C-alpha atoms as a PDB file:
ATOM      1  CA  MET A   1      -3.610  -1.382  -8.725  1.00  0.00           C
ATOM      2  CA  ALA A   2      -1.154  -0.445  -5.329  1.00  0.00           C
ATOM      3  CA  LYS A   3       1.345  -1.979  -3.237  1.00  0.00           C
ATOM      4  CA  LEU A   4      -0.008  -2.291   0.631  1.00  0.00           C
ATOM      5  CA  LEU A   5       2.208  -2.603   3.784  1.00  0.00           C
ATOM      6  CA  ILE A   6      -0.321  -3.546   6.477  1.00  0.00           C
ATOM      7  CA  VAL A   7       1.034  -3.166  10.348  1.00  0.00           C
ATOM      8  CA  ASP A   8      -1.086  -4.222  13.321  1.00  0.00           C
ATOM      9  CA  ASP A   9      -0.469  -6.048  16.670  1.00  0.00           C
ATOM     10  CA  GLU A  10      -3.919  -7.120  16.609  1.00  0.00           C
ATOM     11  CA  GLU A  11      -3.965 -10.863  14.319  1.00  0.00           C
ATOM     12  CA  THR A  12      -7.670 -10.113  13.259  1.00  0.00           C
ATOM     13  CA  TYR A  13      -7.341  -6.481  12.013  1.00  0.00           C
ATOM     14  CA  ARG A  14      -4.307  -7.384   9.778  1.00  0.00           C
ATOM     15  CA  THR A  15      -6.057 -10.711   8.670  1.00  0.00           C
ATOM     16  CA  GLN A  16      -9.839  -8.998   7.237  1.00  0.00           C
ATOM     17  CA  LEU A  17      -7.550  -6.049   5.929  1.00  0.00           C
ATOM     18  CA  SER A  18      -5.233  -7.694   4.081  1.00  0.00           C
ATOM     19  CA  MET A  19      -7.842 -10.378   3.163  1.00  0.00           C
ATOM     20  CA  ILE A  20     -10.651  -7.356   1.658  1.00  0.00           C
ATOM     21  CA  LEU A  21      -7.228  -5.172   0.241  1.00  0.00           C
ATOM     22  CA  THR A  22      -6.368  -8.249  -1.761  1.00  0.00           C
ATOM     23  CA  ALA A  23     -10.114  -8.710  -3.012  1.00  0.00           C
ATOM     24  CA  GLU A  24      -9.694  -5.331  -4.437  1.00  0.00           C
ATOM     25  CA  GLY A  25      -6.719  -6.224  -6.383  1.00  0.00           C
ATOM     26  CA  HIS A  26      -4.003  -4.470  -4.192  1.00  0.00           C
ATOM     27  CA  GLU A  27      -1.095  -5.772  -3.780  1.00  0.00           C
ATOM     28  CA  VAL A  28      -0.314  -6.640   0.133  1.00  0.00           C
ATOM     29  CA  TRP A  29       2.453  -7.259   2.849  1.00  0.00           C
ATOM     30  CA  THR A  30       1.482  -7.748   6.644  1.00  0.00           C
ATOM     31  CA  ALA A  31       3.772  -7.129   9.463  1.00  0.00           C
ATOM     32  CA  ARG A  32       3.061  -7.797  12.951  1.00  0.00           C
ATOM     33  CA  SER A  33       5.288  -5.585  14.774  1.00  0.00           C
ATOM     34  CA  GLY A  34       7.324  -2.169  14.442  1.00  0.00           C
ATOM     35  CA  ARG A  35      10.272  -3.484  13.459  1.00  0.00           C
ATOM     36  CA  GLU A  36       8.844  -6.426  11.138  1.00  0.00           C
ATOM     37  CA  ALA A  37       7.257  -3.744   8.872  1.00  0.00           C
ATOM     38  CA  ILE A  38      10.355  -1.526   8.653  1.00  0.00           C
ATOM     39  CA  GLU A  39      12.238  -4.870   7.499  1.00  0.00           C
ATOM     40  CA  ILE A  40       9.140  -6.137   4.740  1.00  0.00           C
ATOM     41  CA  GLY A  41       9.176  -2.333   3.486  1.00  0.00           C
ATOM     42  CA  HIS A  42      12.451  -1.724   3.171  1.00  0.00           C
ATOM     43  CA  SER A  43      12.387  -4.348   0.292  1.00  0.00           C
ATOM     44  CA  CYS A  44       8.307  -4.226  -1.118  1.00  0.00           C
ATOM     45  CA  ARG A  45       8.570  -0.364  -1.228  1.00  0.00           C
ATOM     46  CA  PRO A  46       4.839  -0.298  -0.652  1.00  0.00           C
ATOM     47  CA  ASP A  47       2.889   2.717  -1.991  1.00  0.00           C
ATOM     48  CA  VAL A  48       0.704   2.596   1.222  1.00  0.00           C
ATOM     49  CA  LEU A  49       1.799   2.365   4.386  1.00  0.00           C
ATOM     50  CA  VAL A  50      -1.394   1.065   7.007  1.00  0.00           C
ATOM     51  CA  ALA A  51       0.108   1.307  10.296  1.00  0.00           C
ATOM     52  CA  ASP A  52      -1.132   0.917  13.712  1.00  0.00           C
ATOM     53  CA  TRP A  53      -0.552   3.802  15.528  1.00  0.00           C
ATOM     54  CA  ARG A  54       0.210   1.864  18.580  1.00  0.00           C
ATOM     55  CA  LEU A  55       2.420  -0.965  18.748  1.00  0.00           C
ATOM     56  CA  THR A  56       3.196  -3.325  21.846  1.00  0.00           C
ATOM     57  CA  ASP A  57       6.678  -4.066  20.582  1.00  0.00           C
ATOM     58  CA  GLY A  58       7.471  -0.400  21.812  1.00  0.00           C
ATOM     59  CA  THR A  59       7.547   1.320  17.952  1.00  0.00           C
ATOM     60  CA  SER A  60       4.591   3.118  16.653  1.00  0.00           C
ATOM     61  CA  GLY A  61       3.122   3.124  13.527  1.00  0.00           C
ATOM     62  CA  LEU A  62       4.446   7.212  13.139  1.00  0.00           C
ATOM     63  CA  HIS A  63       7.512   5.582  14.061  1.00  0.00           C
ATOM     64  CA  VAL A  64       7.637   2.634  10.832  1.00  0.00           C
ATOM     65  CA  ALA A  65       6.422   6.087   8.180  1.00  0.00           C
ATOM     66  CA  GLU A  66       9.137   7.883   9.666  1.00  0.00           C
ATOM     67  CA  ALA A  67      11.899   5.208   8.583  1.00  0.00           C
ATOM     68  CA  LEU A  68      10.305   3.866   5.543  1.00  0.00           C
ATOM     69  CA  HIS A  69      10.385   7.476   4.782  1.00  0.00           C
ATOM     70  CA  GLN A  70      13.424   8.160   4.711  1.00  0.00           C
ATOM     71  CA  ALA A  71      13.558   5.320   1.334  1.00  0.00           C
ATOM     72  CA  ASP A  72      10.597   7.180   0.086  1.00  0.00           C
ATOM     73  CA  PRO A  73       9.785  10.204   0.581  1.00  0.00           C
ATOM     74  CA  GLY A  74       6.811   9.446  -1.591  1.00  0.00           C
ATOM     75  CA  LEU A  75       5.033   6.880   0.486  1.00  0.00           C
ATOM     76  CA  ARG A  76       1.417   7.040   1.789  1.00  0.00           C
ATOM     77  CA  VAL A  77       0.688   6.520   5.454  1.00  0.00           C
ATOM     78  CA  ILE A  78      -2.753   6.237   6.714  1.00  0.00           C
ATOM     79  CA  MET A  79      -2.569   5.453  10.626  1.00  0.00           C
ATOM     80  CA  MET A  80      -5.398   3.376  11.837  1.00  0.00           C
ATOM     81  CA  THR A  81      -6.164   4.245  16.558  1.00  0.00           C
ATOM     82  CA  GLY A  82      -8.043   3.281  18.361  1.00  0.00           C
ATOM     83  CA  TYR A  83      -7.701   6.340  20.678  1.00  0.00           C
ATOM     84  CA  SER A  84      -8.739  10.021  19.491  1.00  0.00           C
ATOM     85  CA  ALA A  85      -7.908  11.014  16.240  1.00  0.00           C
ATOM     86  CA  ASP A  86      -7.406  14.368  18.070  1.00  0.00           C
ATOM     87  CA  ASP A  87      -4.726  12.989  19.774  1.00  0.00           C
ATOM     88  CA  LEU A  88      -2.981  11.259  16.907  1.00  0.00           C
ATOM     89  CA  GLN A  89      -3.327  14.341  14.913  1.00  0.00           C
ATOM     90  CA  ALA A  90      -0.965  16.023  17.576  1.00  0.00           C
ATOM     91  CA  HIS A  91       1.922  13.985  16.569  1.00  0.00           C
ATOM     92  CA  LEU A  92       1.383  14.185  12.638  1.00  0.00           C
ATOM     93  CA  LYS A  93       4.117  16.042  10.970  1.00  0.00           C
ATOM     94  CA  SER A  94       3.066  15.859   7.463  1.00  0.00           C
ATOM     95  CA  ALA A  95      -0.058  16.559   5.704  1.00  0.00           C
ATOM     96  CA  GLY A  96       0.623  13.274   3.282  1.00  0.00           C
ATOM     97  CA  PHE A  97      -0.874  11.116   6.561  1.00  0.00           C
ATOM     98  CA  HIS A  98      -4.832  10.355   6.918  1.00  0.00           C
ATOM     99  CA  ILE A  99      -6.019   9.141   9.906  1.00  0.00           C
ATOM    100  CA  LEU A 100      -8.258   5.698   9.852  1.00  0.00           C
ATOM    101  CA  GLU A 101     -10.530   5.833  13.492  1.00  0.00           C
ATOM    102  CA  LYS A 102     -10.545   2.112  15.014  1.00  0.00           C
ATOM    103  CA  PRO A 103     -13.560   0.498  14.705  1.00  0.00           C
ATOM    104  CA  PHE A 104     -14.390   1.189  10.525  1.00  0.00           C
ATOM    105  CA  GLY A 105     -16.138  -0.507   8.336  1.00  0.00           C
ATOM    106  CA  VAL A 106     -14.926  -1.317   4.122  1.00  0.00           C
ATOM    107  CA  GLU A 107     -16.269   1.231   2.685  1.00  0.00           C
ATOM    108  CA  ASP A 108     -13.903   3.767   5.118  1.00  0.00           C
ATOM    109  CA  LEU A 109     -11.248   1.664   4.558  1.00  0.00           C
ATOM    110  CA  LEU A 110     -11.719   1.781   0.801  1.00  0.00           C
ATOM    111  CA  GLY A 111     -12.372   5.909   0.565  1.00  0.00           C
ATOM    112  CA  VAL A 112      -9.456   6.504   2.554  1.00  0.00           C
ATOM    113  CA  ILE A 113      -7.211   4.467   0.718  1.00  0.00           C
ATOM    114  CA  GLN A 114      -8.255   5.888  -2.409  1.00  0.00           C
ATOM    115  CA  GLN A 115      -7.604   9.185  -1.232  1.00  0.00           C
ATOM    116  CA  ALA A 116      -3.959   8.229  -0.041  1.00  0.00           C
ATOM    117  CA  LEU A 117      -3.386   6.666  -3.906  1.00  0.00           C
ATOM    118  CA  PRO A 118      -1.954   9.713  -6.285  1.00  0.00           C
ATOM    119  CA  GLN A 119      -4.581  10.472  -8.849  1.00  0.00           C
ATOM    120  CA  LYS A 120      -3.653   9.482 -12.150  1.00  0.00           C
ATOM    121  CA  ALA A 121      -3.542  11.741 -14.999  1.00  0.00           C
ATOM    122  CA  GLU A 122      -6.816  11.094 -17.170  1.00  0.00           C
ATOM    123  CA  GLN A 123      -5.370   9.995 -20.464  1.00  0.00           C
ATOM    124  CA  PRO A 124      -7.050  11.221 -23.219  1.00  0.00           C
ATOM    125  CA  ASP A 125      -8.944   8.347 -25.551  1.00  0.00           C
ATOM    126  CA  SER A 126      -6.789   8.310 -28.977  1.00  0.00           C
ATOM    127  CA  SER A 127      -9.678   6.636 -30.785  1.00  0.00           C
ATOM    128  CA  GLU A 128     -11.670  10.222 -31.266  1.00  0.00           C
END
């Protein structure tokens, strides 16, 4: 599966997302602030960043994504927001971003993570 970093200042979201995604087989790290997420992201090198757009520590999910993109341009980003997705879309500069509007269901979460993950080429069946 994938290595995921979740950053959200709401403990409930962090905990629930971590439990769901770990149960799906992903390796998950969590952070409660943008600064903590940047530090963790540089050491764990996630495949996907799942970040809240507006964090209470003076940073934003966009700031975290930009900082981690400098170290890994292939990082996929899912931005969560409780605000209008149109407002967030105006701030996105890259097509590699996905938006997940709060509140969302498990199926929505898993679907957007599947979209964000790089698609692996089908391997030919060597038994034929």
